[in-house]
Amino acid sequence: MIKYEMIIYWSDEDQAYIVEVPELPGCMADGKTYEEAVKNAGKIIEEWIETAEELGRQIPQPKGRLMYA
């Protein structure tokens, strides 16, 4: 289950929804619909974690809910 914060927004330039995962540096995904973008982000998060494990890098723990936005 994905527990990392995701920031989701529409990009006019890309004509797609963009998902950023701030707790995992460089982890981003996109999709033509909101649902597709979130689904793609789930896959990318899993791949990010797998790659970090293979390289012996530390995997950040999810911080949970922000206290403010």
PDB file of N, CA and C in Angstrom:
ATOM      1  N   MET A   1       0.842  -1.192   0.000  1.00  0.00           N
ATOM      2  CA  MET A   1       0.000   0.000   0.000  1.00  0.00           C
ATOM      3  C   MET A   1       0.882   1.249   0.000  1.00  0.00           C
ATOM      4  N   ILE A   2       0.554   2.184  -0.838  1.00  0.00           N
ATOM      5  CA  ILE A   2       1.318   3.420  -0.965  1.00  0.00           C
ATOM      6  C   ILE A   2       0.960   4.354   0.180  1.00  0.00           C
ATOM      7  N   LYS A   3       1.969   4.806   0.912  1.00  0.00           N
ATOM      8  CA  LYS A   3       1.713   5.701   2.036  1.00  0.00           C
ATOM      9  C   LYS A   3       2.458   7.026   1.909  1.00  0.00           C
ATOM     10  N   TYR A   4       3.064   7.242   0.758  1.00  0.00           N
ATOM     11  CA  TYR A   4       3.804   8.477   0.547  1.00  0.00           C
ATOM     12  C   TYR A   4       2.881   9.585   0.066  1.00  0.00           C
ATOM     13  N   GLU A   5       3.223  10.803   0.461  1.00  0.00           N
ATOM     14  CA  GLU A   5       2.470  11.970   0.017  1.00  0.00           C
ATOM     15  C   GLU A   5       2.630  12.124  -1.492  1.00  0.00           C
ATOM     16  N   MET A   6       1.533  12.445  -2.169  1.00  0.00           N
ATOM     17  CA  MET A   6       1.561  12.703  -3.604  1.00  0.00           C
ATOM     18  C   MET A   6       0.950  14.069  -3.864  1.00  0.00           C
ATOM     19  N   ILE A   7       1.649  14.864  -4.652  1.00  0.00           N
ATOM     20  CA  ILE A   7       1.126  16.163  -5.074  1.00  0.00           C
ATOM     21  C   ILE A   7       0.693  16.003  -6.525  1.00  0.00           C
ATOM     22  N   ILE A   8      -0.572  16.293  -6.793  1.00  0.00           N
ATOM     23  CA  ILE A   8      -1.155  16.050  -8.113  1.00  0.00           C
ATOM     24  C   ILE A   8      -1.666  17.370  -8.680  1.00  0.00           C
ATOM     25  N   TYR A   9      -1.293  17.658  -9.919  1.00  0.00           N
ATOM     26  CA  TYR A   9      -1.763  18.886 -10.556  1.00  0.00           C
ATOM     27  C   TYR A   9      -1.849  18.693 -12.064  1.00  0.00           C
ATOM     28  N   TRP A  10      -2.619  19.562 -12.695  1.00  0.00           N
ATOM     29  CA  TRP A  10      -2.777  19.543 -14.145  1.00  0.00           C
ATOM     30  C   TRP A  10      -1.690  20.406 -14.777  1.00  0.00           C
ATOM     31  N   SER A  11      -1.086  19.919 -15.843  1.00  0.00           N
ATOM     32  CA  SER A  11      -0.084  20.674 -16.597  1.00  0.00           C
ATOM     33  C   SER A  11      -0.635  20.988 -17.980  1.00  0.00           C
ATOM     34  N   ASP A  12      -0.873  22.271 -18.246  1.00  0.00           N
ATOM     35  CA  ASP A  12      -1.321  22.683 -19.585  1.00  0.00           C
ATOM     36  C   ASP A  12      -0.247  22.369 -20.621  1.00  0.00           C
ATOM     37  N   GLU A  13       1.000  22.559 -20.241  1.00  0.00           N
ATOM     38  CA  GLU A  13       2.117  22.328 -21.161  1.00  0.00           C
ATOM     39  C   GLU A  13       2.168  20.869 -21.621  1.00  0.00           C
ATOM     40  N   ASP A  14       1.961  19.946 -20.681  1.00  0.00           N
ATOM     41  CA  ASP A  14       2.022  18.516 -21.001  1.00  0.00           C
ATOM     42  C   ASP A  14       0.663  17.929 -21.372  1.00  0.00           C
ATOM     43  N   GLN A  15      -0.408  18.681 -21.106  1.00  0.00           N
ATOM     44  CA  GLN A  15      -1.767  18.192 -21.315  1.00  0.00           C
ATOM     45  C   GLN A  15      -1.966  16.858 -20.578  1.00  0.00           C
ATOM     46  N   ALA A  16      -1.533  16.862 -19.315  1.00  0.00           N
ATOM     47  CA  ALA A  16      -1.621  15.652 -18.493  1.00  0.00           C
ATOM     48  C   ALA A  16      -1.601  16.046 -17.025  1.00  0.00           C
ATOM     49  N   TYR A  17      -2.083  15.120 -16.184  1.00  0.00           N
ATOM     50  CA  TYR A  17      -1.941  15.282 -14.742  1.00  0.00           C
ATOM     51  C   TYR A  17      -0.537  14.829 -14.367  1.00  0.00           C
ATOM     52  N   ILE A  18       0.094  15.582 -13.489  1.00  0.00           N
ATOM     53  CA  ILE A  18       1.442  15.276 -13.023  1.00  0.00           C
ATOM     54  C   ILE A  18       1.350  14.915 -11.541  1.00  0.00           C
ATOM     55  N   VAL A  19       2.087  13.882 -11.160  1.00  0.00           N
ATOM     56  CA  VAL A  19       2.145  13.474  -9.754  1.00  0.00           C
ATOM     57  C   VAL A  19       3.597  13.550  -9.312  1.00  0.00           C
ATOM     58  N   GLU A  20       3.839  14.282  -8.239  1.00  0.00           N
ATOM     59  CA  GLU A  20       5.160  14.350  -7.639  1.00  0.00           C
ATOM     60  C   GLU A  20       5.100  13.679  -6.266  1.00  0.00           C
ATOM     61  N   VAL A  21       6.169  12.962  -5.928  1.00  0.00           N
ATOM     62  CA  VAL A  21       6.265  12.295  -4.625  1.00  0.00           C
ATOM     63  C   VAL A  21       7.460  12.928  -3.913  1.00  0.00           C
ATOM     64  N   PRO A  22       7.225  13.996  -3.149  1.00  0.00           N
ATOM     65  CA  PRO A  22       8.328  14.776  -2.598  1.00  0.00           C
ATOM     66  C   PRO A  22       9.264  14.001  -1.668  1.00  0.00           C
ATOM     67  N   GLU A  23       8.782  12.979  -1.010  1.00  0.00           N
ATOM     68  CA  GLU A  23       9.618  12.225  -0.074  1.00  0.00           C
ATOM     69  C   GLU A  23      10.601  11.295  -0.790  1.00  0.00           C
ATOM     70  N   LEU A  24      10.377  11.045  -2.075  1.00  0.00           N
ATOM     71  CA  LEU A  24      11.254  10.185  -2.865  1.00  0.00           C
ATOM     72  C   LEU A  24      11.845  11.039  -3.989  1.00  0.00           C
ATOM     73  N   PRO A  25      13.051  11.548  -3.818  1.00  0.00           N
ATOM     74  CA  PRO A  25      13.643  12.475  -4.792  1.00  0.00           C
ATOM     75  C   PRO A  25      13.576  11.966  -6.232  1.00  0.00           C
ATOM     76  N   GLY A  26      13.060  12.824  -7.098  1.00  0.00           N
ATOM     77  CA  GLY A  26      12.977  12.509  -8.526  1.00  0.00           C
ATOM     78  C   GLY A  26      11.830  11.605  -8.910  1.00  0.00           C
ATOM     79  N   CYS A  27      10.995  11.237  -7.959  1.00  0.00           N
ATOM     80  CA  CYS A  27       9.886  10.316  -8.227  1.00  0.00           C
ATOM     81  C   CYS A  27       8.680  11.105  -8.726  1.00  0.00           C
ATOM     82  N   MET A  28       8.358  10.911 -10.014  1.00  0.00           N
ATOM     83  CA  MET A  28       7.244  11.608 -10.650  1.00  0.00           C
ATOM     84  C   MET A  28       6.563  10.679 -11.645  1.00  0.00           C
ATOM     85  N   ALA A  29       5.294  10.960 -11.915  1.00  0.00           N
ATOM     86  CA  ALA A  29       4.542  10.203 -12.918  1.00  0.00           C
ATOM     87  C   ALA A  29       3.547  11.152 -13.564  1.00  0.00           C
ATOM     88  N   ASP A  30       2.904  10.665 -14.631  1.00  0.00           N
ATOM     89  CA  ASP A  30       1.861  11.468 -15.260  1.00  0.00           C
ATOM     90  C   ASP A  30       0.770  10.557 -15.796  1.00  0.00           C
ATOM     91  N   GLY A  31      -0.300  11.169 -16.265  1.00  0.00           N
ATOM     92  CA  GLY A  31      -1.395  10.415 -16.851  1.00  0.00           C
ATOM     93  C   GLY A  31      -2.385  11.354 -17.505  1.00  0.00           C
ATOM     94  N   LYS A  32      -3.136  10.837 -18.470  1.00  0.00           N
ATOM     95  CA  LYS A  32      -4.133  11.663 -19.170  1.00  0.00           C
ATOM     96  C   LYS A  32      -5.343  11.955 -18.288  1.00  0.00           C
ATOM     97  N   THR A  33      -5.596  11.082 -17.306  1.00  0.00           N
ATOM     98  CA  THR A  33      -6.668  11.321 -16.342  1.00  0.00           C
ATOM     99  C   THR A  33      -6.061  11.321 -14.941  1.00  0.00           C
ATOM    100  N   TYR A  34      -6.809  11.867 -13.997  1.00  0.00           N
ATOM    101  CA  TYR A  34      -6.370  11.897 -12.599  1.00  0.00           C
ATOM    102  C   TYR A  34      -6.104  10.479 -12.107  1.00  0.00           C
ATOM    103  N   GLU A  35      -7.037   9.578 -12.387  1.00  0.00           N
ATOM    104  CA  GLU A  35      -6.918   8.191 -11.937  1.00  0.00           C
ATOM    105  C   GLU A  35      -5.698   7.503 -12.544  1.00  0.00           C
ATOM    106  N   GLU A  36      -5.468   7.734 -13.836  1.00  0.00           N
ATOM    107  CA  GLU A  36      -4.326   7.127 -14.509  1.00  0.00           C
ATOM    108  C   GLU A  36      -3.016   7.644 -13.908  1.00  0.00           C
ATOM    109  N   ALA A  37      -2.971   8.937 -13.606  1.00  0.00           N
ATOM    110  CA  ALA A  37      -1.761   9.521 -13.030  1.00  0.00           C
ATOM    111  C   ALA A  37      -1.458   8.906 -11.664  1.00  0.00           C
ATOM    112  N   VAL A  38      -2.476   8.740 -10.835  1.00  0.00           N
ATOM    113  CA  VAL A  38      -2.279   8.149  -9.509  1.00  0.00           C
ATOM    114  C   VAL A  38      -1.854   6.683  -9.635  1.00  0.00           C
ATOM    115  N   LYS A  39      -2.475   5.951 -10.547  1.00  0.00           N
ATOM    116  CA  LYS A  39      -2.107   4.550 -10.770  1.00  0.00           C
ATOM    117  C   LYS A  39      -0.648   4.452 -11.228  1.00  0.00           C
ATOM    118  N   ASN A  40      -0.257   5.303 -12.174  1.00  0.00           N
ATOM    119  CA  ASN A  40       1.113   5.313 -12.661  1.00  0.00           C
ATOM    120  C   ASN A  40       2.090   5.673 -11.544  1.00  0.00           C
ATOM    121  N   ALA A  41       1.691   6.595 -10.680  1.00  0.00           N
ATOM    122  CA  ALA A  41       2.549   6.986  -9.561  1.00  0.00           C
ATOM    123  C   ALA A  41       2.789   5.798  -8.635  1.00  0.00           C
ATOM    124  N   GLY A  42       1.765   4.988  -8.406  1.00  0.00           N
ATOM    125  CA  GLY A  42       1.928   3.801  -7.571  1.00  0.00           C
ATOM    126  C   GLY A  42       2.991   2.868  -8.129  1.00  0.00           C
ATOM    127  N   LYS A  43       2.958   2.668  -9.444  1.00  0.00           N
ATOM    128  CA  LYS A  43       3.963   1.812 -10.098  1.00  0.00           C
ATOM    129  C   LYS A  43       5.358   2.419  -9.976  1.00  0.00           C
ATOM    130  N   ILE A  44       5.455   3.728 -10.192  1.00  0.00           N
ATOM    131  CA  ILE A  44       6.751   4.405 -10.144  1.00  0.00           C
ATOM    132  C   ILE A  44       7.323   4.378  -8.725  1.00  0.00           C
ATOM    133  N   ILE A  45       6.473   4.539  -7.723  1.00  0.00           N
ATOM    134  CA  ILE A  45       6.935   4.459  -6.330  1.00  0.00           C
ATOM    135  C   ILE A  45       7.523   3.079  -6.058  1.00  0.00           C
ATOM    136  N   GLU A  46       6.826   2.036  -6.488  1.00  0.00           N
ATOM    137  CA  GLU A  46       7.331   0.668  -6.289  1.00  0.00           C
ATOM    138  C   GLU A  46       8.681   0.490  -6.976  1.00  0.00           C
ATOM    139  N   GLU A  47       8.802   0.983  -8.201  1.00  0.00           N
ATOM    140  CA  GLU A  47      10.060   0.876  -8.941  1.00  0.00           C
ATOM    141  C   GLU A  47      11.165   1.691  -8.276  1.00  0.00           C
ATOM    142  N   TRP A  48      10.823   2.872  -7.757  1.00  0.00           N
ATOM    143  CA  TRP A  48      11.801   3.706  -7.065  1.00  0.00           C
ATOM    144  C   TRP A  48      12.362   2.951  -5.867  1.00  0.00           C
ATOM    145  N   ILE A  49      11.477   2.341  -5.085  1.00  0.00           N
ATOM    146  CA  ILE A  49      11.894   1.602  -3.890  1.00  0.00           C
ATOM    147  C   ILE A  49      12.735   0.387  -4.277  1.00  0.00           C
ATOM    148  N   GLU A  50      12.317  -0.363  -5.293  1.00  0.00           N
ATOM    149  CA  GLU A  50      13.080  -1.529  -5.750  1.00  0.00           C
ATOM    150  C   GLU A  50      14.496  -1.125  -6.178  1.00  0.00           C
ATOM    151  N   THR A  51      14.605  -0.036  -6.919  1.00  0.00           N
ATOM    152  CA  THR A  51      15.906   0.429  -7.391  1.00  0.00           C
ATOM    153  C   THR A  51      16.782   0.861  -6.211  1.00  0.00           C
ATOM    154  N   ALA A  52      16.192   1.587  -5.262  1.00  0.00           N
ATOM    155  CA  ALA A  52      16.954   2.022  -4.087  1.00  0.00           C
ATOM    156  C   ALA A  52      17.467   0.813  -3.310  1.00  0.00           C
ATOM    157  N   GLU A  53      16.632  -0.229  -3.164  1.00  0.00           N
ATOM    158  CA  GLU A  53      17.050  -1.450  -2.465  1.00  0.00           C
ATOM    159  C   GLU A  53      18.206  -2.121  -3.195  1.00  0.00           C
ATOM    160  N   GLU A  54      18.107  -2.218  -4.523  1.00  0.00           N
ATOM    161  CA  GLU A  54      19.165  -2.842  -5.319  1.00  0.00           C
ATOM    162  C   GLU A  54      20.489  -2.097  -5.195  1.00  0.00           C
ATOM    163  N   LEU A  55      20.418  -0.779  -5.074  1.00  0.00           N
ATOM    164  CA  LEU A  55      21.616   0.043  -4.980  1.00  0.00           C
ATOM    165  C   LEU A  55      22.099   0.211  -3.536  1.00  0.00           C
ATOM    166  N   GLY A  56      21.364  -0.353  -2.595  1.00  0.00           N
ATOM    167  CA  GLY A  56      21.741  -0.248  -1.185  1.00  0.00           C
ATOM    168  C   GLY A  56      21.524   1.132  -0.593  1.00  0.00           C
ATOM    169  N   ARG A  57      20.610   1.876  -1.182  1.00  0.00           N
ATOM    170  CA  ARG A  57      20.325   3.229  -0.687  1.00  0.00           C
ATOM    171  C   ARG A  57      19.215   3.201   0.358  1.00  0.00           C
ATOM    172  N   GLN A  58      19.230   4.196   1.214  1.00  0.00           N
ATOM    173  CA  GLN A  58      18.221   4.312   2.258  1.00  0.00           C
ATOM    174  C   GLN A  58      16.877   4.702   1.638  1.00  0.00           C
ATOM    175  N   ILE A  59      15.815   4.083   2.128  1.00  0.00           N
ATOM    176  CA  ILE A  59      14.467   4.389   1.654  1.00  0.00           C
ATOM    177  C   ILE A  59      13.774   5.219   2.727  1.00  0.00           C
ATOM    178  N   PRO A  60      13.387   6.448   2.401  1.00  0.00           N
ATOM    179  CA  PRO A  60      12.731   7.302   3.397  1.00  0.00           C
ATOM    180  C   PRO A  60      11.422   6.687   3.882  1.00  0.00           C
ATOM    181  N   GLN A  61      11.164   6.840   5.172  1.00  0.00           N
ATOM    182  CA  GLN A  61       9.886   6.405   5.733  1.00  0.00           C
ATOM    183  C   GLN A  61       8.835   7.456   5.408  1.00  0.00           C
ATOM    184  N   PRO A  62       7.610   7.030   5.085  1.00  0.00           N
ATOM    185  CA  PRO A  62       6.555   8.006   4.821  1.00  0.00           C
ATOM    186  C   PRO A  62       6.328   8.886   6.057  1.00  0.00           C
ATOM    187  N   LYS A  63       6.185  10.175   5.843  1.00  0.00           N
ATOM    188  CA  LYS A  63       5.990  11.105   6.946  1.00  0.00           C
ATOM    189  C   LYS A  63       4.533  11.199   7.379  1.00  0.00           C
ATOM    190  N   GLY A  64       3.640  10.802   6.515  1.00  0.00           N
ATOM    191  CA  GLY A  64       2.223  10.907   6.864  1.00  0.00           C
ATOM    192  C   GLY A  64       1.662  12.280   6.546  1.00  0.00           C
ATOM    193  N   ARG A  65       0.572  12.592   7.177  1.00  0.00           N
ATOM    194  CA  ARG A  65      -0.165  13.811   6.894  1.00  0.00           C
ATOM    195  C   ARG A  65       0.616  15.066   7.264  1.00  0.00           C
ATOM    196  N   LEU A  66       0.539  16.064   6.403  1.00  0.00           N
ATOM    197  CA  LEU A  66       1.144  17.350   6.694  1.00  0.00           C
ATOM    198  C   LEU A  66       0.341  18.073   7.767  1.00  0.00           C
ATOM    199  N   MET A  67       1.015  18.825   8.581  1.00  0.00           N
ATOM    200  CA  MET A  67       0.325  19.592   9.606  1.00  0.00           C
ATOM    201  C   MET A  67      -0.264  20.882   9.037  1.00  0.00           C
ATOM    202  N   TYR A  68       0.253  21.324   7.890  1.00  0.00           N
ATOM    203  CA  TYR A  68      -0.241  22.515   7.216  1.00  0.00           C
ATOM    204  C   TYR A  68       0.033  22.406   5.737  1.00  0.00           C
ATOM    205  N   ALA A  69      -0.609  23.224   4.954  1.00  0.00           N
ATOM    206  CA  ALA A  69      -0.362  23.212   3.513  1.00  0.00           C
ATOM    207  C   ALA A  69      -0.189  24.626   3.019  1.00  0.00           C
TER     208      ALA A  69
END
